[in-house]
Amino acid sequence: MNRRINSPLKKGAALLLTLIITLSMGGSLFAQQSNAMDMVESYQQVLREASQKVLPVVVEVVTVQNVTQEFQSPFEFFFGTPPDGDRQREYQRRGLGSGIIIRSDGNEYYVATNNHVVSDADKITINLHDDRSYDGELVGRDPNKDLALIRVETRDALPVATLGNSDELQVGDLVLAVGNPLGFESTVTSGLVR
């Protein structure tokens, strides 16, 4: 026959042992949370520094295309073409995209962008992160790879990207995407190579 002894001393010892275990686990858990927060803050600082380094070399590419289009009035459907009516209308189609300054050669700077942004442009303007603007000239393009190269001539010193080796990228690597999509200036998004 087992008898339990319910002495206050045993209850106090059990309570003290439970408290010691809880505190030691809690202390370990607190240390783990503190280490995790330090890691998150370090990661955030790296993203900030990388963004600040890259933003100046990412540009907004603004294009203008002069378009002549046949115009048909809704009244023509009912009443026919007016004898003296001019059916040609001219307007300017505007476009936006992102680019990156990849090279300099004296007073010439080269910006890489997408072919679909500049392929039919009659005028190209490059807007920098610091609000400077320059006229650009299309000097090369590859429609199959959707790449284009724009030349900008200026005596101003422009920042140039430090390019890495894409062959060194691996699945799971952290990357940043920086650009000006739809006119939203200097957006930064992080992700993983997949």
N, C-alpha and C. Protein backbone atom coordinates (compact mmCIF):
# COMPACT_ATOMS: atom_id res chain seq x y z
N MET A 1 0.83 -1.16 0.00
CA MET A 1 0.00 0.00 0.00
C MET A 1 0.88 1.23 0.00
N ASN A 2 0.69 2.05 -1.04
CA ASN A 2 1.45 3.28 -1.15
C ASN A 2 0.69 4.41 -0.50
N ARG A 3 1.44 5.11 0.27
CA ARG A 3 0.83 6.28 0.90
C ARG A 3 1.52 7.52 0.38
N ARG A 4 0.75 8.44 0.03
CA ARG A 4 1.32 9.70 -0.42
C ARG A 4 1.50 10.59 0.78
N ILE A 5 2.62 11.28 0.75
CA ILE A 5 2.87 12.23 1.83
C ILE A 5 2.64 13.60 1.25
N ASN A 6 1.70 14.28 1.75
CA ASN A 6 1.33 15.61 1.27
C ASN A 6 1.86 16.68 2.19
N SER A 7 3.12 16.63 2.40
CA SER A 7 3.68 17.63 3.30
C SER A 7 3.91 18.92 2.55
N PRO A 8 3.81 20.05 3.21
CA PRO A 8 4.06 21.34 2.57
C PRO A 8 5.48 21.43 2.04
N LEU A 9 6.44 20.73 2.64
CA LEU A 9 7.82 20.77 2.19
C LEU A 9 7.96 20.13 0.80
N LYS A 10 7.30 18.98 0.59
CA LYS A 10 7.35 18.34 -0.72
C LYS A 10 6.64 19.18 -1.77
N LYS A 11 5.52 19.78 -1.42
CA LYS A 11 4.82 20.64 -2.38
C LYS A 11 5.68 21.84 -2.74
N GLY A 12 6.34 22.41 -1.78
CA GLY A 12 7.21 23.56 -2.02
C GLY A 12 8.40 23.18 -2.90
N ALA A 13 8.97 21.98 -2.67
CA ALA A 13 10.11 21.52 -3.47
C ALA A 13 9.67 21.28 -4.91
N ALA A 14 8.49 20.68 -5.09
CA ALA A 14 7.98 20.44 -6.44
C ALA A 14 7.73 21.76 -7.16
N LEU A 15 7.17 22.73 -6.46
CA LEU A 15 6.91 24.04 -7.03
C LEU A 15 8.22 24.74 -7.42
N LEU A 16 9.23 24.62 -6.54
CA LEU A 16 10.53 25.24 -6.80
C LEU A 16 11.19 24.57 -8.01
N LEU A 17 11.11 23.25 -8.11
CA LEU A 17 11.68 22.53 -9.23
C LEU A 17 10.98 22.93 -10.54
N THR A 18 9.67 23.04 -10.51
CA THR A 18 8.91 23.48 -11.69
C THR A 18 9.30 24.88 -12.09
N LEU A 19 9.48 25.76 -11.14
CA LEU A 19 9.87 27.14 -11.40
C LEU A 19 11.27 27.20 -12.01
N ILE A 20 12.19 26.41 -11.49
CA ILE A 20 13.56 26.39 -12.03
C ILE A 20 13.56 25.89 -13.47
N ILE A 21 12.82 24.81 -13.75
CA ILE A 21 12.75 24.28 -15.12
C ILE A 21 12.13 25.31 -16.06
N THR A 22 11.04 25.94 -15.62
CA THR A 22 10.36 26.94 -16.45
C THR A 22 11.27 28.12 -16.74
N LEU A 23 11.98 28.60 -15.72
CA LEU A 23 12.87 29.73 -15.92
C LEU A 23 14.04 29.38 -16.85
N SER A 24 14.56 28.17 -16.69
CA SER A 24 15.68 27.80 -17.55
C SER A 24 15.23 27.65 -18.99
N MET A 25 14.05 27.08 -19.20
CA MET A 25 13.53 26.97 -20.56
C MET A 25 13.16 28.34 -21.10
N GLY A 26 12.56 29.14 -20.27
CA GLY A 26 12.18 30.50 -20.69
C GLY A 26 13.40 31.32 -21.02
N GLY A 27 14.44 31.19 -20.25
CA GLY A 27 15.68 31.91 -20.53
C GLY A 27 16.27 31.48 -21.85
N SER A 28 16.23 30.19 -22.13
CA SER A 28 16.73 29.66 -23.39
C SER A 28 15.86 30.16 -24.54
N LEU A 29 14.55 30.14 -24.33
CA LEU A 29 13.63 30.62 -25.34
C LEU A 29 13.84 32.10 -25.59
N PHE A 30 14.05 32.86 -24.53
CA PHE A 30 14.30 34.30 -24.67
C PHE A 30 15.59 34.54 -25.45
N ALA A 31 16.61 33.75 -25.17
CA ALA A 31 17.89 33.89 -25.89
C ALA A 31 17.69 33.55 -27.37
N GLN A 32 16.89 32.51 -27.66
CA GLN A 32 16.63 32.16 -29.05
C GLN A 32 15.87 33.27 -29.76
N GLN A 33 14.87 33.85 -29.08
CA GLN A 33 14.11 34.95 -29.68
C GLN A 33 15.02 36.15 -29.91
N SER A 34 15.89 36.43 -28.96
CA SER A 34 16.81 37.57 -29.09
C SER A 34 17.75 37.34 -30.27
N ASN A 35 18.27 36.11 -30.42
CA ASN A 35 19.14 35.79 -31.56
C ASN A 35 18.38 35.92 -32.88
N ALA A 36 17.14 35.47 -32.89
CA ALA A 36 16.32 35.56 -34.11
C ALA A 36 16.09 37.02 -34.48
N MET A 37 15.81 37.85 -33.50
CA MET A 37 15.59 39.28 -33.78
C MET A 37 16.87 39.93 -34.28
N ASP A 38 18.01 39.55 -33.73
CA ASP A 38 19.29 40.08 -34.22
C ASP A 38 19.52 39.69 -35.68
N MET A 39 19.16 38.44 -36.02
CA MET A 39 19.32 37.98 -37.39
C MET A 39 18.41 38.76 -38.34
N VAL A 40 17.16 38.99 -37.92
CA VAL A 40 16.22 39.73 -38.75
C VAL A 40 16.69 41.17 -38.96
N GLU A 41 17.17 41.79 -37.89
CA GLU A 41 17.67 43.17 -38.00
C GLU A 41 18.91 43.24 -38.90
N SER A 42 19.78 42.23 -38.82
CA SER A 42 20.96 42.19 -39.69
C SER A 42 20.55 42.03 -41.15
N TYR A 43 19.58 41.15 -41.40
CA TYR A 43 19.06 40.93 -42.75
C TYR A 43 18.44 42.22 -43.30
N GLN A 44 17.68 42.90 -42.45
CA GLN A 44 17.05 44.15 -42.86
C GLN A 44 18.11 45.20 -43.21
N GLN A 45 19.18 45.27 -42.43
CA GLN A 45 20.24 46.24 -42.70
C GLN A 45 20.95 45.94 -44.03
N VAL A 46 21.16 44.65 -44.31
CA VAL A 46 21.78 44.26 -45.58
C VAL A 46 20.89 44.68 -46.75
N LEU A 47 19.57 44.47 -46.64
CA LEU A 47 18.64 44.87 -47.70
C LEU A 47 18.66 46.39 -47.90
N ARG A 48 18.71 47.14 -46.81
CA ARG A 48 18.76 48.60 -46.91
C ARG A 48 20.03 49.05 -47.64
N GLU A 49 21.16 48.51 -47.23
CA GLU A 49 22.44 48.90 -47.84
C GLU A 49 22.49 48.52 -49.32
N ALA A 50 22.01 47.33 -49.66
CA ALA A 50 21.99 46.92 -51.06
C ALA A 50 21.07 47.82 -51.88
N SER A 51 19.91 48.15 -51.34
CA SER A 51 18.96 49.01 -52.04
C SER A 51 19.56 50.39 -52.29
N GLN A 52 20.19 50.96 -51.28
CA GLN A 52 20.78 52.29 -51.43
C GLN A 52 21.92 52.28 -52.45
N LYS A 53 22.62 51.18 -52.56
CA LYS A 53 23.72 51.07 -53.53
C LYS A 53 23.19 50.92 -54.96
N VAL A 54 22.08 50.21 -55.12
CA VAL A 54 21.56 49.90 -56.45
C VAL A 54 20.63 50.99 -57.00
N LEU A 55 19.86 51.64 -56.15
CA LEU A 55 18.87 52.61 -56.62
C LEU A 55 19.43 53.68 -57.57
N PRO A 56 20.62 54.25 -57.34
CA PRO A 56 21.11 55.28 -58.25
C PRO A 56 21.38 54.81 -59.68
N VAL A 57 21.62 53.52 -59.91
CA VAL A 57 21.93 53.05 -61.27
C VAL A 57 20.69 52.56 -62.00
N VAL A 58 19.57 52.47 -61.31
CA VAL A 58 18.31 52.05 -61.93
C VAL A 58 17.59 53.31 -62.40
N VAL A 59 17.18 53.32 -63.67
CA VAL A 59 16.57 54.51 -64.26
C VAL A 59 15.17 54.22 -64.76
N GLU A 60 14.41 55.29 -64.92
CA GLU A 60 13.10 55.20 -65.55
C GLU A 60 13.28 55.55 -67.03
N VAL A 61 12.75 54.72 -67.90
CA VAL A 61 12.83 54.95 -69.35
C VAL A 61 11.45 55.41 -69.81
N VAL A 62 11.40 56.65 -70.33
CA VAL A 62 10.14 57.22 -70.80
C VAL A 62 10.24 57.33 -72.32
N THR A 63 9.23 56.82 -73.01
CA THR A 63 9.25 56.85 -74.47
C THR A 63 8.04 57.58 -75.02
N VAL A 64 8.23 58.15 -76.21
CA VAL A 64 7.14 58.78 -76.95
C VAL A 64 7.19 58.23 -78.37
N GLN A 65 6.05 57.77 -78.86
CA GLN A 65 5.94 57.27 -80.23
C GLN A 65 4.90 58.11 -80.95
N ASN A 66 5.26 58.70 -82.08
CA ASN A 66 4.32 59.46 -82.90
C ASN A 66 3.53 58.47 -83.75
N VAL A 67 2.21 58.51 -83.61
CA VAL A 67 1.35 57.55 -84.29
C VAL A 67 0.35 58.29 -85.17
N THR A 68 0.20 57.82 -86.40
CA THR A 68 -0.84 58.31 -87.29
C THR A 68 -1.84 57.19 -87.46
N GLN A 69 -3.11 57.51 -87.20
CA GLN A 69 -4.12 56.47 -87.21
C GLN A 69 -5.33 56.93 -88.02
N GLU A 70 -5.91 55.99 -88.69
CA GLU A 70 -7.14 56.24 -89.43
C GLU A 70 -8.24 56.44 -88.40
N PHE A 71 -8.97 57.53 -88.54
CA PHE A 71 -10.02 57.86 -87.58
C PHE A 71 -11.37 57.74 -88.27
N GLN A 72 -12.31 57.11 -87.61
CA GLN A 72 -13.65 57.00 -88.15
C GLN A 72 -14.63 57.52 -87.11
N SER A 73 -15.36 58.51 -87.51
CA SER A 73 -16.37 59.09 -86.63
C SER A 73 -17.56 58.13 -86.54
N PRO A 74 -18.20 58.07 -85.39
CA PRO A 74 -19.40 57.23 -85.30
C PRO A 74 -20.50 57.68 -86.26
N PHE A 75 -20.49 58.96 -86.64
CA PHE A 75 -21.50 59.46 -87.57
C PHE A 75 -21.31 58.89 -88.97
N GLU A 76 -20.05 58.50 -89.30
CA GLU A 76 -19.78 57.94 -90.62
C GLU A 76 -20.55 56.63 -90.83
N PHE A 77 -20.77 55.91 -89.77
CA PHE A 77 -21.49 54.66 -89.87
C PHE A 77 -22.90 54.91 -90.42
N PHE A 78 -23.51 56.01 -89.96
CA PHE A 78 -24.89 56.31 -90.36
C PHE A 78 -24.99 57.18 -91.62
N PHE A 79 -24.06 58.13 -91.76
CA PHE A 79 -24.20 59.14 -92.81
C PHE A 79 -23.13 59.05 -93.89
N GLY A 80 -22.16 58.16 -93.75
CA GLY A 80 -21.10 58.04 -94.75
C GLY A 80 -19.97 59.01 -94.47
N THR A 81 -18.91 58.87 -95.24
CA THR A 81 -17.72 59.70 -95.07
C THR A 81 -17.99 61.10 -95.60
N PRO A 82 -17.72 62.13 -94.80
CA PRO A 82 -17.88 63.49 -95.32
C PRO A 82 -16.90 63.72 -96.47
N PRO A 83 -17.30 64.44 -97.52
CA PRO A 83 -16.44 64.61 -98.69
C PRO A 83 -15.14 65.34 -98.39
N ASP A 84 -15.15 66.28 -97.49
CA ASP A 84 -13.93 67.04 -97.20
C ASP A 84 -13.30 66.64 -95.87
N GLY A 85 -13.73 65.53 -95.30
CA GLY A 85 -13.25 65.12 -93.97
C GLY A 85 -11.85 64.52 -94.01
N ASP A 86 -11.02 64.94 -93.06
CA ASP A 86 -9.67 64.37 -92.90
C ASP A 86 -9.78 63.20 -91.94
N ARG A 87 -9.48 62.02 -92.43
CA ARG A 87 -9.66 60.81 -91.61
C ARG A 87 -8.40 60.40 -90.89
N GLN A 88 -7.30 61.11 -91.07
CA GLN A 88 -6.04 60.78 -90.40
C GLN A 88 -5.89 61.63 -89.14
N ARG A 89 -5.53 60.97 -88.05
CA ARG A 89 -5.29 61.68 -86.79
C ARG A 89 -3.91 61.30 -86.29
N GLU A 90 -3.18 62.28 -85.78
CA GLU A 90 -1.87 62.03 -85.19
C GLU A 90 -1.95 62.24 -83.69
N TYR A 91 -1.27 61.37 -82.98
CA TYR A 91 -1.18 61.52 -81.52
C TYR A 91 0.12 60.89 -81.05
N GLN A 92 0.41 61.13 -79.79
CA GLN A 92 1.64 60.57 -79.20
C GLN A 92 1.28 59.48 -78.21
N ARG A 93 1.88 58.32 -78.43
CA ARG A 93 1.72 57.20 -77.50
C ARG A 93 2.91 57.20 -76.56
N ARG A 94 2.65 57.24 -75.28
CA ARG A 94 3.71 57.29 -74.27
C ARG A 94 3.90 55.92 -73.65
N GLY A 95 5.14 55.65 -73.27
CA GLY A 95 5.46 54.38 -72.63
C GLY A 95 6.42 54.57 -71.47
N LEU A 96 6.44 53.61 -70.57
CA LEU A 96 7.32 53.64 -69.39
C LEU A 96 7.99 52.29 -69.22
N GLY A 97 9.19 52.32 -68.68
CA GLY A 97 9.90 51.09 -68.38
C GLY A 97 11.05 51.38 -67.43
N SER A 98 11.80 50.36 -67.13
CA SER A 98 12.96 50.47 -66.25
C SER A 98 14.22 50.13 -67.04
N GLY A 99 15.33 50.64 -66.57
CA GLY A 99 16.61 50.32 -67.18
C GLY A 99 17.70 50.40 -66.13
N ILE A 100 18.90 50.01 -66.52
CA ILE A 100 20.03 50.05 -65.61
C ILE A 100 21.26 50.55 -66.36
N ILE A 101 21.97 51.48 -65.76
CA ILE A 101 23.18 52.02 -66.38
C ILE A 101 24.28 50.97 -66.19
N ILE A 102 24.74 50.39 -67.31
CA ILE A 102 25.66 49.25 -67.20
C ILE A 102 27.08 49.56 -67.62
N ARG A 103 27.29 50.71 -68.31
CA ARG A 103 28.63 50.96 -68.81
C ARG A 103 28.82 52.45 -69.10
N SER A 104 30.06 52.90 -68.96
CA SER A 104 30.40 54.26 -69.37
C SER A 104 31.62 54.21 -70.27
N ASP A 105 31.66 55.14 -71.21
CA ASP A 105 32.80 55.24 -72.12
C ASP A 105 32.98 56.73 -72.41
N GLY A 106 33.82 57.38 -71.61
CA GLY A 106 33.98 58.83 -71.72
C GLY A 106 32.70 59.53 -71.31
N ASN A 107 32.13 60.31 -72.24
CA ASN A 107 30.87 61.02 -71.98
C ASN A 107 29.65 60.23 -72.40
N GLU A 108 29.84 58.99 -72.78
CA GLU A 108 28.72 58.14 -73.21
C GLU A 108 28.43 57.10 -72.14
N TYR A 109 27.15 56.96 -71.84
CA TYR A 109 26.69 55.96 -70.87
C TYR A 109 25.69 55.06 -71.58
N TYR A 110 25.69 53.80 -71.21
CA TYR A 110 24.81 52.82 -71.85
C TYR A 110 23.84 52.25 -70.83
N VAL A 111 22.57 52.23 -71.24
CA VAL A 111 21.49 51.77 -70.38
C VAL A 111 20.87 50.52 -71.01
N ALA A 112 20.79 49.45 -70.25
CA ALA A 112 20.11 48.22 -70.71
C ALA A 112 18.65 48.29 -70.28
N THR A 113 17.76 47.93 -71.19
CA THR A 113 16.33 47.92 -70.89
C THR A 113 15.68 46.83 -71.73
N ASN A 114 14.35 46.80 -71.72
CA ASN A 114 13.61 45.82 -72.52
C ASN A 114 13.33 46.36 -73.91
N ASN A 115 13.42 45.51 -74.90
CA ASN A 115 13.14 45.90 -76.28
C ASN A 115 11.71 46.42 -76.44
N HIS A 116 10.74 45.76 -75.78
CA HIS A 116 9.35 46.18 -75.97
C HIS A 116 9.09 47.59 -75.44
N VAL A 117 9.95 48.10 -74.58
CA VAL A 117 9.78 49.45 -74.04
C VAL A 117 10.18 50.49 -75.09
N VAL A 118 11.23 50.24 -75.87
CA VAL A 118 11.82 51.27 -76.73
C VAL A 118 11.76 50.96 -78.23
N SER A 119 11.27 49.81 -78.63
CA SER A 119 11.41 49.38 -80.02
C SER A 119 10.80 50.34 -81.03
N ASP A 120 9.66 50.94 -80.75
CA ASP A 120 9.00 51.83 -81.71
C ASP A 120 9.06 53.29 -81.28
N ALA A 121 9.94 53.61 -80.35
CA ALA A 121 9.98 54.97 -79.79
C ALA A 121 10.61 55.96 -80.76
N ASP A 122 10.01 57.14 -80.84
CA ASP A 122 10.60 58.25 -81.59
C ASP A 122 11.42 59.14 -80.68
N LYS A 123 11.15 59.10 -79.40
CA LYS A 123 11.91 59.88 -78.42
C LYS A 123 12.06 59.03 -77.16
N ILE A 124 13.28 59.04 -76.59
CA ILE A 124 13.57 58.29 -75.36
C ILE A 124 14.18 59.25 -74.36
N THR A 125 13.64 59.24 -73.14
CA THR A 125 14.17 60.04 -72.05
C THR A 125 14.51 59.12 -70.89
N ILE A 126 15.68 59.36 -70.30
CA ILE A 126 16.15 58.58 -69.15
C ILE A 126 16.05 59.47 -67.92
N ASN A 127 15.29 59.03 -66.91
CA ASN A 127 15.16 59.76 -65.65
C ASN A 127 15.90 59.02 -64.55
N LEU A 128 16.82 59.72 -63.90
CA LEU A 128 17.61 59.11 -62.83
C LEU A 128 16.90 59.23 -61.48
N HIS A 129 17.39 58.47 -60.53
CA HIS A 129 16.85 58.45 -59.17
C HIS A 129 16.93 59.82 -58.51
N ASP A 130 17.93 60.63 -58.89
CA ASP A 130 18.11 61.95 -58.28
C ASP A 130 17.42 63.07 -59.07
N ASP A 131 16.44 62.71 -59.93
CA ASP A 131 15.61 63.64 -60.70
C ASP A 131 16.31 64.28 -61.89
N ARG A 132 17.51 63.84 -62.26
CA ARG A 132 18.13 64.33 -63.49
C ARG A 132 17.52 63.57 -64.67
N SER A 133 17.42 64.25 -65.83
CA SER A 133 16.86 63.64 -67.04
C SER A 133 17.78 63.88 -68.22
N TYR A 134 17.85 62.87 -69.11
CA TYR A 134 18.70 62.95 -70.29
C TYR A 134 17.98 62.32 -71.47
N ASP A 135 18.27 62.86 -72.66
CA ASP A 135 17.75 62.24 -73.88
C ASP A 135 18.59 61.01 -74.18
N GLY A 136 17.94 59.97 -74.66
CA GLY A 136 18.63 58.74 -74.99
C GLY A 136 18.44 58.38 -76.45
N GLU A 137 19.32 57.53 -76.95
CA GLU A 137 19.26 57.07 -78.34
C GLU A 137 19.37 55.55 -78.35
N LEU A 138 18.46 54.91 -79.06
CA LEU A 138 18.49 53.45 -79.20
C LEU A 138 19.66 53.06 -80.10
N VAL A 139 20.58 52.24 -79.59
CA VAL A 139 21.75 51.86 -80.37
C VAL A 139 21.82 50.36 -80.65
N GLY A 140 20.97 49.58 -80.03
CA GLY A 140 20.96 48.14 -80.29
C GLY A 140 19.78 47.48 -79.63
N ARG A 141 19.31 46.39 -80.26
CA ARG A 141 18.18 45.68 -79.66
C ARG A 141 18.13 44.24 -80.15
N ASP A 142 17.55 43.39 -79.34
CA ASP A 142 17.35 41.98 -79.69
C ASP A 142 15.91 41.63 -79.33
N PRO A 143 15.01 41.65 -80.32
CA PRO A 143 13.60 41.36 -80.03
C PRO A 143 13.37 39.97 -79.46
N ASN A 144 14.19 38.99 -79.87
CA ASN A 144 14.00 37.62 -79.38
C ASN A 144 14.28 37.49 -77.89
N LYS A 145 15.26 38.23 -77.40
CA LYS A 145 15.59 38.18 -75.97
C LYS A 145 14.96 39.34 -75.21
N ASP A 146 14.23 40.21 -75.92
CA ASP A 146 13.58 41.39 -75.36
C ASP A 146 14.57 42.29 -74.63
N LEU A 147 15.73 42.51 -75.25
CA LEU A 147 16.76 43.39 -74.70
C LEU A 147 17.02 44.54 -75.65
N ALA A 148 17.36 45.70 -75.07
CA ALA A 148 17.72 46.87 -75.88
C ALA A 148 18.79 47.65 -75.15
N LEU A 149 19.57 48.42 -75.93
CA LEU A 149 20.64 49.24 -75.38
C LEU A 149 20.44 50.68 -75.83
N ILE A 150 20.47 51.59 -74.85
CA ILE A 150 20.28 53.01 -75.09
C ILE A 150 21.57 53.73 -74.75
N ARG A 151 21.94 54.71 -75.58
CA ARG A 151 23.12 55.52 -75.30
C ARG A 151 22.67 56.91 -74.83
N VAL A 152 23.34 57.39 -73.78
CA VAL A 152 23.10 58.73 -73.24
C VAL A 152 24.43 59.47 -73.28
N GLU A 153 24.45 60.66 -73.84
CA GLU A 153 25.67 61.47 -73.86
C GLU A 153 25.53 62.62 -72.89
N THR A 154 26.50 62.75 -71.97
CA THR A 154 26.49 63.84 -71.00
C THR A 154 27.88 64.00 -70.42
N ARG A 155 28.18 65.22 -70.00
CA ARG A 155 29.44 65.47 -69.29
C ARG A 155 29.29 65.24 -67.79
N ASP A 156 28.04 65.09 -67.34
CA ASP A 156 27.79 64.79 -65.93
C ASP A 156 28.30 63.39 -65.60
N ALA A 157 28.74 63.22 -64.38
CA ALA A 157 29.14 61.88 -63.92
C ALA A 157 27.88 61.12 -63.50
N LEU A 158 27.65 60.00 -64.14
CA LEU A 158 26.50 59.16 -63.80
C LEU A 158 26.99 57.89 -63.11
N PRO A 159 26.20 57.36 -62.18
CA PRO A 159 26.60 56.11 -61.52
C PRO A 159 26.47 54.94 -62.50
N VAL A 160 27.34 53.97 -62.36
CA VAL A 160 27.32 52.79 -63.23
C VAL A 160 27.23 51.55 -62.34
N ALA A 161 26.42 50.60 -62.74
CA ALA A 161 26.22 49.37 -61.97
C ALA A 161 27.48 48.53 -61.94
N THR A 162 27.68 47.86 -60.82
CA THR A 162 28.71 46.84 -60.72
C THR A 162 28.02 45.52 -61.02
N LEU A 163 28.38 44.93 -62.13
CA LEU A 163 27.70 43.71 -62.56
C LEU A 163 28.38 42.48 -61.97
N GLY A 164 27.58 41.50 -61.62
CA GLY A 164 28.10 40.24 -61.09
C GLY A 164 28.05 39.16 -62.16
N ASN A 165 28.30 37.94 -61.75
CA ASN A 165 28.30 36.80 -62.65
C ASN A 165 27.04 35.97 -62.38
N SER A 166 26.12 35.97 -63.33
CA SER A 166 24.86 35.25 -63.13
C SER A 166 25.07 33.73 -63.06
N ASP A 167 26.20 33.25 -63.55
CA ASP A 167 26.48 31.81 -63.46
C ASP A 167 26.69 31.36 -62.02
N GLU A 168 26.98 32.31 -61.13
CA GLU A 168 27.20 31.97 -59.72
C GLU A 168 25.90 31.89 -58.93
N LEU A 169 24.79 32.36 -59.51
CA LEU A 169 23.50 32.28 -58.81
C LEU A 169 23.06 30.84 -58.68
N GLN A 170 22.43 30.54 -57.55
CA GLN A 170 21.92 29.20 -57.31
C GLN A 170 20.48 29.29 -56.84
N VAL A 171 19.75 28.22 -57.05
CA VAL A 171 18.38 28.15 -56.57
C VAL A 171 18.38 28.35 -55.06
N GLY A 172 17.52 29.24 -54.60
CA GLY A 172 17.43 29.53 -53.17
C GLY A 172 18.18 30.78 -52.76
N ASP A 173 19.00 31.36 -53.66
CA ASP A 173 19.72 32.60 -53.32
C ASP A 173 18.73 33.75 -53.17
N LEU A 174 19.01 34.62 -52.21
CA LEU A 174 18.20 35.82 -52.01
C LEU A 174 18.57 36.85 -53.06
N VAL A 175 17.57 37.50 -53.65
CA VAL A 175 17.80 38.52 -54.67
C VAL A 175 16.87 39.70 -54.44
N LEU A 176 17.25 40.85 -55.01
CA LEU A 176 16.42 42.05 -55.00
C LEU A 176 16.05 42.39 -56.43
N ALA A 177 14.83 42.82 -56.64
CA ALA A 177 14.39 43.35 -57.93
C ALA A 177 14.10 44.83 -57.72
N VAL A 178 14.81 45.68 -58.48
CA VAL A 178 14.66 47.12 -58.34
C VAL A 178 14.21 47.67 -59.68
N GLY A 179 13.22 48.56 -59.68
CA GLY A 179 12.76 49.11 -60.94
C GLY A 179 11.77 50.23 -60.76
N ASN A 180 11.15 50.60 -61.87
CA ASN A 180 10.14 51.66 -61.90
C ASN A 180 8.90 51.16 -62.64
N PRO A 181 8.25 50.12 -62.15
CA PRO A 181 7.11 49.58 -62.89
C PRO A 181 5.93 50.55 -62.89
N LEU A 182 5.35 50.74 -64.05
CA LEU A 182 4.16 51.58 -64.22
C LEU A 182 4.34 52.98 -63.65
N GLY A 183 5.57 53.47 -63.64
CA GLY A 183 5.82 54.82 -63.16
C GLY A 183 6.00 54.93 -61.66
N PHE A 184 5.92 53.82 -60.93
CA PHE A 184 6.18 53.85 -59.49
C PHE A 184 7.68 53.91 -59.30
N GLU A 185 8.16 55.02 -58.81
CA GLU A 185 9.60 55.27 -58.78
C GLU A 185 10.32 54.43 -57.74
N SER A 186 11.38 53.78 -58.17
CA SER A 186 12.33 53.11 -57.29
C SER A 186 11.70 52.10 -56.35
N THR A 187 11.03 51.11 -56.90
CA THR A 187 10.48 50.06 -56.07
C THR A 187 11.53 48.98 -55.85
N VAL A 188 11.50 48.37 -54.69
CA VAL A 188 12.43 47.29 -54.34
C VAL A 188 11.62 46.12 -53.82
N THR A 189 11.87 44.94 -54.38
CA THR A 189 11.19 43.72 -53.95
C THR A 189 12.26 42.66 -53.73
N SER A 190 12.10 41.88 -52.66
CA SER A 190 13.06 40.80 -52.42
C SER A 190 12.40 39.46 -52.72
N GLY A 191 13.23 38.48 -53.03
CA GLY A 191 12.71 37.16 -53.32
C GLY A 191 13.83 36.15 -53.38
N LEU A 192 13.51 34.99 -53.92
CA LEU A 192 14.47 33.88 -54.03
C LEU A 192 14.60 33.46 -55.48
N VAL A 193 15.80 33.02 -55.86
CA VAL A 193 15.98 32.44 -57.17
C VAL A 193 15.32 31.07 -57.16
N ARG A 194 14.49 30.78 -58.18
CA ARG A 194 13.84 29.48 -58.24
C ARG A 194 14.09 28.80 -59.55
